[in-house]
Structures are given as structure tokens and as C-alpha cells.
Amino acid sequence: MKFSQYTTRFALVAGALAACATVASAASVCDVRSYGAKGDGKTKDTAAIQKAIDTCAQQGGGTVELTVGTYLSAPIVLKSNINFHLDKGATLLGSTEKSDYPTKLEFGEPGRQALVSATNAENIAITGEGVIDGNGEPWWKEAHELHAKGIDAGVMGLDFTRPRLVVFDHSKHILMQDVTVQNSPMWQIVPYYSENIIFRNIKVLAPEHSSNTDAIDPFSSSHIIIDHVLADTGDDNVAIKSGAVGSIGPNGSSHDIWITDCTFKHGHGLSIGSEIVGGVQNIVAERITFEDTDNGIRVKANRDRGNIDIGNFVFRDITMKNVKNDIIISEYYPKVAPKPGESAKPLSRLTPFFHDILIENVKAEGETNAGVIIGLPESPVQAVTLRNVQIKSKTPMIVGFANVTAEGFSVEASDGGEGITKIEGANLSGK
């Protein structure tokens, strides 16, 4: 697809999603207090909330309402045609007891049931000005203790498993609007093999020290709008995924995702990857503000987690301030660059191939790193266009094993060096 076609394509996608993201008529309103919920922050209200959901679903759907209060809960499961509505001043608070979160296969790996989930469901909404709080501090503490021992507690499949906060599994026609989601033990909102989803005007929050608290992670999912989202977390603000490291497949791709008018603070930036065995296509991110994030734009993979089709991405109208790494396009994750003289490896099913990436109208400033655009020797990054990109940074942009066209591109490096450093395999045209 040519870059000029994106605006029209995604305007049509937005219209289609807006039309389908309505939940069944709210003729039935099931107040969870009518089913025994206390909302006192001490009594576990799990059974009452679930009974309200089940009853409302049996009546053909409607609104399950949490009025003002704090509702302590173990995992609950949403059903088709349900609007889970949290009034302003209402909080669904996750239990901190591990035994409340059953172990299960989550995304094909050992995990735990999310606090809020829906499986094989449709026409679901989570709305209102209330809060879903994962109460994640004890889980982060344990993850940090493992990390101190040299164990990566973010890797799926460890004996130490953490629940996510909100998971949509093989579901469709979903709306999340106006709510605040915060303090998940791990990833906060995950659409998994799901489609036709709108996240609009929500906040996703976690402290900087929280471990693996990605805000929104579309995983092998499609036709998604992420609009007017404030993400301030301890990990990726958005991370688009499509398969685990070393997956034997098959894996579905993530595609047709539109990210608009968002603000990202304290996190690892807007990421595509690193686990993208199923491929990723047709991503547009427009009018995004990054402030104090570790990274800005990031496309990342490696030889054990890639796909032959990772491309057709547009990043447009981007502002960055005090971002540590402005642009990272690297096929060496978790590193960003190869060792000097690294030789090509044989191509495989998991070799990443990045292609057709437009980065346009970007302003970035701060004592930071401009970033890298580096492919593998056996799979160079193809067709990157940098158009009207102005970066003020401490260090230059590094380009290697990549074909890059620059149009109105400049890097002002405060260390006095050249704005762009070309290493082996760099093909840079334009100016």
C-alpha cells in the first residue's frame, strides 16, 4: 500500500468501528449492589458482581453498574452484550491474594486469569469515569526480587506468573471509553485474537518502577482504534505483538491499527514488537506526544521472533520531549545494534523483514539519543522514509543494513559529531 492511501483507508475503518462498537440496548440495568455487593473495599464482591453480569446477559444484555464505592474482587468474566459501567467514584480493586487468580494457559503460555476478561464474546463495553485498579504492588515487588537474581520475570512460562488486568480473548465489537485502568500486576489491557475494538478517552497508569505494566498490547488482533489515550506506565505505552519468541506457529498477524491523539509519559514508548512471529501490517500513529519516555517510535525484533511481513507503518505528526531514544528500528532486540563485523545468518521462518515505514513531521528535542535504523545483514530494513524530521539530541542517528530516504531530515547532535553515522550496509539517499 502506498503511504498516500492510508488516510482514506483508516477513515473508513474508523467509521466502520464506530458503527459496530455499540452494546445491546441498556434496557436492563443490573446494579451490583442489588446482588449483594458491598463496595466497602474490604468485602470481596466477586460473586455479586459476577451474578449481576450473568443475570444481565441471560436477559439479553444491558448495563452492569458499579456505583460509588470500592469493590474488592477476584477475577470476573464479562459476557456478550454487556456494558460494564463504572460510575465516577467507583473502583474495581483487584485482590492481592495469589490464590484468587487461577493458573491457566494465557496466550498459549502458563499464566493467570486476568481481573477482567471476556472470551469468545461480542458487543462488550467498559465505560464510565470509574477506575479498574489491579493493586499490583506485591506482584511488582516479587518481580523485582527475581530480576535482582538475574531472572527475567517478564518472560512467559516461568513458575512466577502474574495476571494481566483486562483481557479480550477471541472477542469482537468492543468499546472501552472514559475509564481509568491502573496498577496491573503485568500487561494492563490485551486484545488477543480479537477485532473491531475502540479504546477512547481512557487513562492507563502505573508507577515508573512497576514491572512489565504495558498499557495496551494488541496481540494478533486487528481493526483497532486507540484514540485520546493517556498512557503513563512502567513499560511500553503501546506494544503491538503477534506471537511468542520461538513460536512454532501458526500465529495470526496484528493489522489495521490506528493510534491517534495520544499522550505517552513515563514508559517505553510506542512499540511494534518484539514478539511478532505472526507479522504486523498497516499501522498508523498520528498526533502523538511523547514526554519523558524511554523511547519514542520503536520497531523491534530479532532472528527468533520475526516474520517475513512486518511493514506498512506510518508515524506522523509526532512531538517528543526528553525521550531517551527518539527512533529505534532494530532487528537486534534486546540490543539495538550488532557487534562489529557480525556476519549474515541463514534465513528462517522467524527472520524479521521490516519494510515500508514512513516517519513524517517529527520534532524531538532533549539531551537524548537520536536512535538507530539497523537491519540484519541477511535481512536489511527496506523503504524507510524520513520526511520533515528534526531531531535535537546528544548523539547522532545510526543507520546500518537499511535503505533510507531522507526528505527534510536533520539531526543536531550536541556532542559535536555528525548528525548521522552510517555503518556497514547503510544506503541513505536524499537529505
Protein backbone atom coordinates (compact mmCIF):
# COMPACT_ATOMS: atom_id res chain seq x y z
CA MET A 1 0.00 0.00 0.00
CA LYS A 2 1.28 3.48 -0.83
CA PHE A 3 1.58 5.90 2.08
CA SER A 4 -0.89 8.32 0.42
CA GLN A 5 -3.63 5.70 0.71
CA TYR A 6 -3.51 5.39 4.49
CA THR A 7 -5.71 8.35 5.42
CA THR A 8 -8.61 7.20 3.28
CA ARG A 9 -8.28 3.59 4.39
CA PHE A 10 -8.26 4.37 8.07
CA ALA A 11 -11.07 6.92 7.84
CA LEU A 12 -13.21 4.08 6.50
CA VAL A 13 -12.01 1.76 9.28
CA ALA A 14 -12.87 4.39 11.90
CA GLY A 15 -16.36 4.79 10.55
CA ALA A 16 -16.96 1.05 10.47
CA LEU A 17 -15.73 0.60 14.05
CA ALA A 18 -17.79 3.48 15.36
CA ALA A 19 -20.86 1.88 13.82
CA CYS A 20 -20.23 -1.54 15.34
CA ALA A 21 -18.97 -0.58 18.80
CA THR A 22 -22.40 -0.23 20.33
CA VAL A 23 -23.57 -2.62 23.02
CA ALA A 24 -27.03 -4.09 23.26
CA SER A 25 -29.73 -1.72 24.48
CA ALA A 26 -29.34 -0.87 28.13
CA ALA A 27 -32.97 -1.73 28.84
CA SER A 28 -31.67 -3.99 31.62
CA VAL A 29 -29.65 -2.24 34.30
CA CYS A 30 -28.13 -4.54 36.90
CA ASP A 31 -26.74 -2.62 39.88
CA VAL A 32 -24.21 -4.91 41.56
CA ARG A 33 -25.37 -3.76 45.00
CA SER A 34 -28.75 -5.32 44.24
CA TYR A 35 -26.91 -8.66 44.01
CA GLY A 36 -25.12 -8.28 47.33
CA ALA A 37 -22.04 -6.20 46.57
CA LYS A 38 -20.88 -4.03 49.49
CA GLY A 39 -18.42 -1.68 47.81
CA ASP A 40 -16.62 -1.14 51.12
CA GLY A 41 -13.10 -2.03 49.90
CA LYS A 42 -12.87 -4.90 52.41
CA THR A 43 -15.54 -7.43 51.49
CA LYS A 44 -14.87 -9.48 48.38
CA ASP A 45 -17.65 -8.62 45.95
CA THR A 46 -16.63 -11.12 43.25
CA ALA A 47 -19.70 -13.36 43.48
CA ALA A 48 -22.15 -10.45 43.50
CA ILE A 49 -20.53 -8.74 40.51
CA GLN A 50 -20.41 -11.98 38.53
CA LYS A 51 -24.05 -12.72 39.36
CA ALA A 52 -25.04 -9.28 38.07
CA ILE A 53 -23.13 -9.91 34.83
CA ASP A 54 -24.61 -13.37 34.34
CA THR A 55 -28.16 -12.24 35.08
CA CYS A 56 -27.92 -9.26 32.76
CA ALA A 57 -26.53 -11.48 29.98
CA GLN A 58 -29.35 -14.01 30.46
CA GLN A 59 -31.84 -11.17 29.96
CA GLY A 60 -30.33 -10.43 26.57
CA GLY A 61 -27.75 -7.91 27.70
CA GLY A 62 -27.60 -4.45 29.20
CA THR A 63 -25.64 -2.44 31.74
CA VAL A 64 -23.93 -3.82 34.83
CA GLU A 65 -23.40 -0.81 37.04
CA LEU A 66 -20.90 -0.12 39.79
CA THR A 67 -21.99 2.94 41.76
CA VAL A 68 -19.71 4.95 44.07
CA GLY A 69 -17.55 2.69 46.22
CA THR A 70 -14.54 0.37 46.17
CA TYR A 71 -15.36 -3.16 45.08
CA LEU A 72 -12.67 -5.64 46.09
CA SER A 73 -12.70 -8.55 43.69
CA ALA A 74 -11.05 -11.66 42.34
CA PRO A 75 -11.35 -12.23 38.55
CA ILE A 76 -14.70 -11.60 36.85
CA VAL A 77 -15.76 -12.61 33.33
CA LEU A 78 -17.75 -10.35 31.00
CA LYS A 79 -20.34 -11.80 28.63
CA SER A 80 -21.72 -10.76 25.24
CA ASN A 81 -23.95 -7.68 25.07
CA ILE A 82 -22.78 -6.30 28.41
CA ASN A 83 -21.80 -2.72 29.21
CA PHE A 84 -19.71 -2.89 32.39
CA HIS A 85 -20.19 0.66 33.67
CA LEU A 86 -18.18 2.20 36.50
CA ASP A 87 -19.66 5.45 37.80
CA LYS A 88 -17.37 8.30 38.76
CA GLY A 89 -16.08 7.41 42.22
CA ALA A 90 -16.41 3.66 41.64
CA THR A 91 -13.31 1.45 41.77
CA LEU A 92 -12.97 -2.24 40.93
CA LEU A 93 -9.97 -3.21 43.07
CA GLY A 94 -8.09 -6.41 42.41
CA SER A 95 -7.41 -8.80 45.26
CA THR A 96 -3.76 -9.26 46.19
CA GLU A 97 -4.21 -12.93 47.13
CA LYS A 98 -2.48 -15.12 44.56
CA SER A 99 -4.94 -17.94 45.12
CA ASP A 100 -7.70 -15.72 43.75
CA TYR A 101 -6.12 -15.80 40.28
CA PRO A 102 -6.37 -19.32 38.83
CA THR A 103 -3.40 -20.54 36.83
CA LYS A 104 -4.23 -21.19 33.18
CA LEU A 105 -2.81 -21.13 29.68
CA GLU A 106 -2.80 -17.45 28.82
CA PHE A 107 -1.77 -16.60 25.24
CA GLY A 108 -0.51 -20.17 24.84
CA GLU A 109 1.82 -19.97 27.84
CA PRO A 110 1.48 -20.56 31.59
CA GLY A 111 -0.25 -17.58 33.18
CA ARG A 112 -3.09 -16.50 35.46
CA GLN A 113 -6.64 -15.35 34.85
CA ALA A 114 -6.99 -11.60 34.36
CA LEU A 115 -9.01 -9.50 36.78
CA VAL A 116 -11.45 -8.63 33.96
CA SER A 117 -11.75 -10.84 30.89
CA ALA A 118 -14.04 -11.86 28.06
CA THR A 119 -13.63 -14.97 25.90
CA ASN A 120 -15.47 -15.71 22.66
CA ALA A 121 -17.76 -12.76 23.36
CA GLU A 122 -19.05 -9.80 21.34
CA ASN A 123 -20.66 -6.42 21.82
CA ILE A 124 -18.86 -5.59 25.06
CA ALA A 125 -18.22 -2.21 26.63
CA ILE A 126 -16.34 -0.96 29.66
CA THR A 127 -17.44 2.62 30.26
CA GLY A 128 -17.84 5.34 32.85
CA GLU A 129 -15.45 7.58 34.74
CA GLY A 130 -14.54 4.98 37.34
CA VAL A 131 -11.33 3.00 37.90
CA ILE A 132 -10.15 -0.57 37.39
CA ASP A 133 -7.18 -0.98 39.74
CA GLY A 134 -5.04 -4.12 39.64
CA ASN A 135 -3.45 -3.48 43.06
CA GLY A 136 -0.17 -4.68 41.55
CA GLU A 137 2.47 -3.58 44.07
CA PRO A 138 3.02 -7.04 45.68
CA TRP A 139 3.44 -8.62 42.23
CA TRP A 140 5.95 -5.95 41.15
CA LYS A 141 7.93 -6.47 44.37
CA GLU A 142 8.31 -10.18 43.64
CA ALA A 143 9.23 -9.48 40.01
CA HIS A 144 11.96 -7.06 41.14
CA GLU A 145 13.32 -9.65 43.57
CA LEU A 146 13.58 -12.18 40.73
CA HIS A 147 15.21 -9.61 38.49
CA ALA A 148 17.82 -8.94 41.19
CA LYS A 149 18.67 -12.65 40.95
CA GLY A 150 19.13 -12.38 37.18
CA ILE A 151 15.72 -13.84 36.28
CA ASP A 152 13.57 -12.06 33.71
CA ALA A 153 10.13 -12.12 35.34
CA GLY A 154 8.57 -10.73 32.17
CA VAL A 155 9.17 -13.94 30.23
CA MET A 156 6.06 -16.05 29.82
CA GLY A 157 6.38 -19.60 31.08
CA LEU A 158 8.21 -19.00 34.36
CA ASP A 159 6.95 -20.55 37.58
CA PHE A 160 6.31 -16.98 38.71
CA THR A 161 3.28 -15.86 36.70
CA ARG A 162 1.28 -12.66 37.03
CA PRO A 163 -2.23 -11.87 35.89
CA ARG A 164 -2.95 -9.18 33.34
CA LEU A 165 -5.66 -6.66 34.16
CA VAL A 166 -8.11 -6.60 31.21
CA VAL A 167 -8.03 -9.32 28.52
CA PHE A 168 -10.28 -9.73 25.49
CA ASP A 169 -9.72 -13.24 24.11
CA HIS A 170 -11.11 -14.16 20.67
CA SER A 171 -13.74 -11.45 21.04
CA LYS A 172 -15.09 -8.64 18.83
CA HIS A 173 -17.03 -5.39 18.78
CA ILE A 174 -15.52 -3.92 21.95
CA LEU A 175 -15.54 -0.41 23.38
CA MET A 176 -13.53 0.96 26.31
CA GLN A 177 -14.29 4.60 26.97
CA ASP A 178 -13.66 7.21 29.70
CA VAL A 179 -12.38 4.75 32.33
CA THR A 180 -9.04 4.70 34.13
CA VAL A 181 -7.14 1.42 34.18
CA GLN A 182 -4.16 1.27 36.52
CA ASN A 183 -1.65 -0.70 38.54
CA SER A 184 -1.87 -4.03 36.76
CA PRO A 185 0.38 -6.82 38.04
CA MET A 186 1.59 -7.15 34.41
CA TRP A 187 0.30 -6.04 30.98
CA GLN A 188 -2.74 -3.85 31.54
CA ILE A 189 -5.07 -4.17 28.51
CA VAL A 190 -4.63 -7.00 25.99
CA PRO A 191 -6.83 -7.77 22.98
CA TYR A 192 -5.84 -11.32 22.00
CA TYR A 193 -7.02 -12.63 18.63
CA SER A 194 -9.76 -10.02 18.83
CA GLU A 195 -11.10 -7.43 16.40
CA ASN A 196 -13.18 -4.32 15.93
CA ILE A 197 -12.13 -2.51 19.10
CA ILE A 198 -12.14 1.13 20.19
CA PHE A 199 -10.13 2.44 23.14
CA ARG A 200 -11.15 6.08 23.50
CA ASN A 201 -10.53 8.76 26.08
CA ILE A 202 -9.07 6.40 28.68
CA LYS A 203 -6.14 6.64 31.07
CA VAL A 204 -3.76 3.74 31.66
CA LEU A 205 -1.45 4.35 34.61
CA ALA A 206 1.25 2.67 36.68
CA PRO A 207 4.32 3.93 38.56
CA GLU A 208 7.67 4.10 36.78
CA HIS A 209 9.03 1.32 38.98
CA SER A 210 6.25 -1.11 38.08
CA SER A 211 7.45 -4.09 36.07
CA ASN A 212 6.06 -5.04 32.62
CA THR A 213 3.00 -2.82 33.00
CA ASP A 214 2.46 -2.17 29.27
CA ALA A 215 -0.62 -0.01 28.75
CA ILE A 216 -2.27 -1.53 25.64
CA ASP A 217 -0.87 -4.60 23.85
CA PRO A 218 -2.82 -5.68 20.75
CA PHE A 219 -1.76 -9.32 20.29
CA SER A 220 -2.63 -10.96 16.95
CA SER A 221 -5.57 -8.56 16.78
CA SER A 222 -6.96 -6.22 14.14
CA HIS A 223 -9.14 -3.26 13.28
CA ILE A 224 -8.38 -1.32 16.44
CA ILE A 225 -8.60 2.38 17.23
CA ILE A 226 -6.56 3.76 20.15
CA ASP A 227 -7.72 7.37 20.43
CA HIS A 228 -7.10 10.09 23.01
CA VAL A 229 -5.37 7.71 25.41
CA LEU A 230 -3.07 8.92 28.18
CA ALA A 231 -0.57 6.16 28.99
CA ASP A 232 1.87 6.71 31.86
CA THR A 233 3.36 3.34 32.83
CA GLY A 234 6.41 1.31 33.77
CA ASP A 235 6.79 -0.32 30.34
CA ASP A 236 5.57 0.06 26.75
CA ASN A 237 2.85 2.67 26.31
CA VAL A 238 1.60 0.59 23.40
CA ALA A 239 3.18 -2.69 22.22
CA ILE A 240 1.80 -4.45 19.16
CA LYS A 241 2.55 -8.19 19.25
CA SER A 242 1.75 -11.33 17.24
CA GLY A 243 3.35 -14.44 18.68
CA ALA A 244 5.75 -15.61 21.34
CA VAL A 245 9.52 -15.88 20.97
CA GLY A 246 10.43 -19.04 19.08
CA SER A 247 6.80 -19.90 18.38
CA ILE A 248 6.26 -22.94 16.17
CA GLY A 249 3.05 -21.35 14.88
CA PRO A 250 0.64 -20.84 13.37
CA ASN A 251 0.30 -17.24 14.55
CA GLY A 252 -2.19 -14.60 13.48
CA SER A 253 -0.96 -11.16 12.49
CA SER A 254 -1.81 -7.84 14.07
CA HIS A 255 -3.04 -5.42 11.44
CA ASP A 256 -5.08 -2.31 10.70
CA ILE A 257 -4.46 -0.40 13.93
CA TRP A 258 -4.92 3.36 14.18
CA ILE A 259 -3.36 5.27 17.10
CA THR A 260 -4.42 8.92 17.25
CA ASP A 261 -4.14 11.97 19.50
CA CYS A 262 -2.47 10.15 22.39
CA THR A 263 -0.11 11.33 25.12
CA PHE A 264 2.58 8.96 26.35
CA LYS A 265 4.52 9.69 29.53
CA HIS A 266 6.94 7.54 31.53
CA GLY A 267 7.06 4.33 29.62
CA HIS A 268 8.99 2.57 26.90
CA GLY A 269 7.21 4.28 24.03
CA LEU A 270 5.14 3.14 21.08
CA SER A 271 6.45 -0.29 20.10
CA ILE A 272 5.84 -2.74 17.33
CA GLY A 273 7.36 -5.96 18.64
CA SER A 274 9.39 -7.53 19.84
CA GLU A 275 7.37 -10.79 19.63
CA ILE A 276 5.90 -10.54 16.11
CA VAL A 277 6.12 -14.06 14.72
CA GLY A 278 2.70 -13.64 13.10
CA GLY A 279 3.66 -10.39 11.37
CA VAL A 280 2.33 -6.85 11.68
CA GLN A 281 0.83 -4.74 8.89
CA ASN A 282 -0.96 -1.44 8.33
CA ILE A 283 -0.30 0.63 11.45
CA VAL A 284 -0.90 4.39 11.57
CA ALA A 285 0.10 6.57 14.52
CA GLU A 286 -0.77 10.25 14.21
CA ARG A 287 -0.60 13.26 16.51
CA ILE A 288 1.24 11.56 19.35
CA THR A 289 3.06 13.39 22.15
CA PHE A 290 5.90 11.62 23.97
CA GLU A 291 7.25 13.16 27.14
CA ASP A 292 9.94 11.64 29.39
CA THR A 293 9.55 8.17 27.86
CA ASP A 294 12.48 5.80 27.42
CA ASN A 295 11.73 5.51 23.70
CA GLY A 296 9.58 7.20 21.13
CA ILE A 297 8.96 5.24 17.94
CA ARG A 298 10.24 1.68 18.23
CA VAL A 299 10.05 -1.26 15.80
CA LYS A 300 11.91 -4.22 17.28
CA ALA A 301 12.52 -7.92 16.68
CA ASN A 302 15.29 -10.47 16.34
CA ARG A 303 16.05 -13.70 14.49
CA ASP A 304 13.94 -15.73 16.94
CA ARG A 305 10.77 -13.62 16.86
CA GLY A 306 10.21 -12.14 13.39
CA ASN A 307 8.13 -12.61 10.26
CA ILE A 308 8.54 -12.01 6.54
CA ASP A 309 5.87 -9.29 6.56
CA ILE A 310 6.41 -6.53 9.10
CA GLY A 311 5.57 -3.24 7.47
CA ASN A 312 3.29 -0.60 6.04
CA PHE A 313 3.66 1.70 9.05
CA VAL A 314 3.02 5.44 9.23
CA PHE A 315 4.18 7.60 12.14
CA ARG A 316 3.04 11.18 11.52
CA ASP A 317 2.82 14.48 13.42
CA ILE A 318 4.89 13.37 16.40
CA THR A 319 6.30 15.52 19.21
CA MET A 320 8.98 14.22 21.58
CA LYS A 321 10.48 15.92 24.61
CA ASN A 322 13.19 14.36 26.78
CA VAL A 323 12.79 10.96 25.16
CA LYS A 324 15.90 8.85 25.74
CA ASN A 325 15.84 7.20 22.31
CA ASP A 326 13.79 9.02 19.69
CA ILE A 327 13.60 6.45 16.88
CA ILE A 328 14.63 2.81 17.15
CA ILE A 329 14.13 0.46 14.23
CA SER A 330 16.22 -2.58 15.06
CA GLU A 331 16.26 -6.27 14.24
CA TYR A 332 18.62 -7.00 17.18
CA TYR A 333 16.29 -6.74 20.19
CA PRO A 334 17.01 -6.63 23.12
CA LYS A 335 20.16 -4.98 21.76
CA VAL A 336 19.89 -2.22 19.18
CA ALA A 337 23.00 -2.84 17.09
CA PRO A 338 25.21 -5.78 16.03
CA LYS A 339 28.71 -6.42 17.14
CA PRO A 340 31.27 -5.08 14.63
CA GLY A 341 31.79 -7.49 11.75
CA GLU A 342 28.78 -9.67 12.54
CA SER A 343 28.09 -11.96 9.59
CA ALA A 344 24.80 -12.86 7.98
CA LYS A 345 22.88 -15.90 9.22
CA PRO A 346 20.73 -18.27 7.18
CA LEU A 347 17.20 -17.06 6.60
CA SER A 348 14.47 -18.83 8.57
CA ARG A 349 10.75 -18.63 9.20
CA LEU A 350 11.48 -16.35 12.16
CA THR A 351 13.79 -13.91 10.35
CA PRO A 352 12.28 -10.43 10.63
CA PHE A 353 11.77 -8.38 7.47
CA PHE A 354 10.90 -4.71 8.12
CA HIS A 355 9.63 -2.73 5.15
CA ASP A 356 7.73 0.41 4.10
CA ILE A 357 7.98 2.67 7.13
CA LEU A 358 7.11 6.37 6.86
CA ILE A 359 8.12 8.71 9.67
CA GLU A 360 6.82 12.20 8.93
CA ASN A 361 6.57 15.58 10.67
CA VAL A 362 8.53 14.77 13.80
CA LYS A 363 10.09 17.21 16.24
CA ALA A 364 12.25 15.82 19.03
CA GLU A 365 14.48 17.63 21.49
CA GLY A 366 16.41 16.88 24.65
CA GLU A 367 19.77 15.58 25.80
CA THR A 368 18.97 12.17 24.38
CA ASN A 369 19.85 9.74 21.59
CA ALA A 370 18.54 10.26 18.07
CA GLY A 371 18.34 6.48 17.69
CA VAL A 372 19.10 3.76 15.16
CA ILE A 373 17.78 2.22 11.97
CA ILE A 374 19.59 -1.12 11.73
CA GLY A 375 18.63 -4.33 9.99
CA LEU A 376 20.20 -7.76 9.86
CA PRO A 377 22.89 -8.42 7.24
CA GLU A 378 20.66 -11.13 5.76
CA SER A 379 17.50 -9.01 6.02
CA PRO A 380 18.12 -5.27 5.63
CA VAL A 381 15.36 -2.84 6.55
CA GLN A 382 13.70 -1.72 3.32
CA ALA A 383 11.97 1.50 2.25
CA VAL A 384 12.19 3.74 5.30
CA THR A 385 11.22 7.34 4.56
CA LEU A 386 12.12 10.14 6.99
CA ARG A 387 10.20 13.24 5.89
CA ASN A 388 10.34 16.56 7.70
CA VAL A 389 12.01 15.06 10.76
CA GLN A 390 14.01 17.42 13.00
CA ILE A 391 15.85 15.96 15.97
CA LYS A 392 17.91 17.77 18.57
CA SER A 393 19.81 15.20 20.59
CA LYS A 394 23.05 14.36 22.33
CA THR A 395 24.13 11.66 19.90
CA PRO A 396 23.60 11.04 16.16
CA MET A 397 21.29 8.72 14.28
CA ILE A 398 23.00 5.44 13.37
CA VAL A 399 21.99 3.71 10.13
CA GLY A 400 23.15 0.26 9.03
CA PHE A 401 21.85 -2.53 6.79
CA ALA A 402 18.94 -0.29 5.85
CA ASN A 403 17.67 1.57 2.80
CA VAL A 404 16.56 5.00 3.98
CA THR A 405 15.25 8.01 2.05
CA ALA A 406 15.50 11.36 3.84
CA GLU A 407 13.44 14.38 2.83
CA GLY A 408 13.91 17.37 5.09
CA PHE A 409 15.66 15.26 7.72
CA SER A 410 18.11 16.75 10.19
CA VAL A 411 19.81 15.70 13.41
CA GLU A 412 21.51 18.36 15.51
CA ALA A 413 23.84 16.40 17.79
CA SER A 414 25.08 18.33 20.80
CA ASP A 415 28.19 16.18 21.12
CA GLY A 416 29.56 17.95 18.07
CA GLY A 417 29.61 14.90 15.83
CA GLU A 418 27.86 14.29 12.55
CA GLY A 419 24.09 14.14 12.68
CA ILE A 420 24.04 10.73 11.00
CA THR A 421 26.54 7.89 11.39
CA LYS A 422 26.49 5.30 8.63
CA ILE A 423 27.80 1.84 9.40
CA GLU A 424 28.06 -1.23 7.21
CA GLY A 425 25.12 -1.79 4.89
CA ALA A 426 23.69 1.74 5.13
CA ASN A 427 22.07 3.15 2.00
CA LEU A 428 20.92 6.70 2.68
CA SER A 429 19.55 8.95 -0.07
CA GLY A 430 18.13 12.46 -0.03
CA LYS A 431 18.92 14.99 2.64
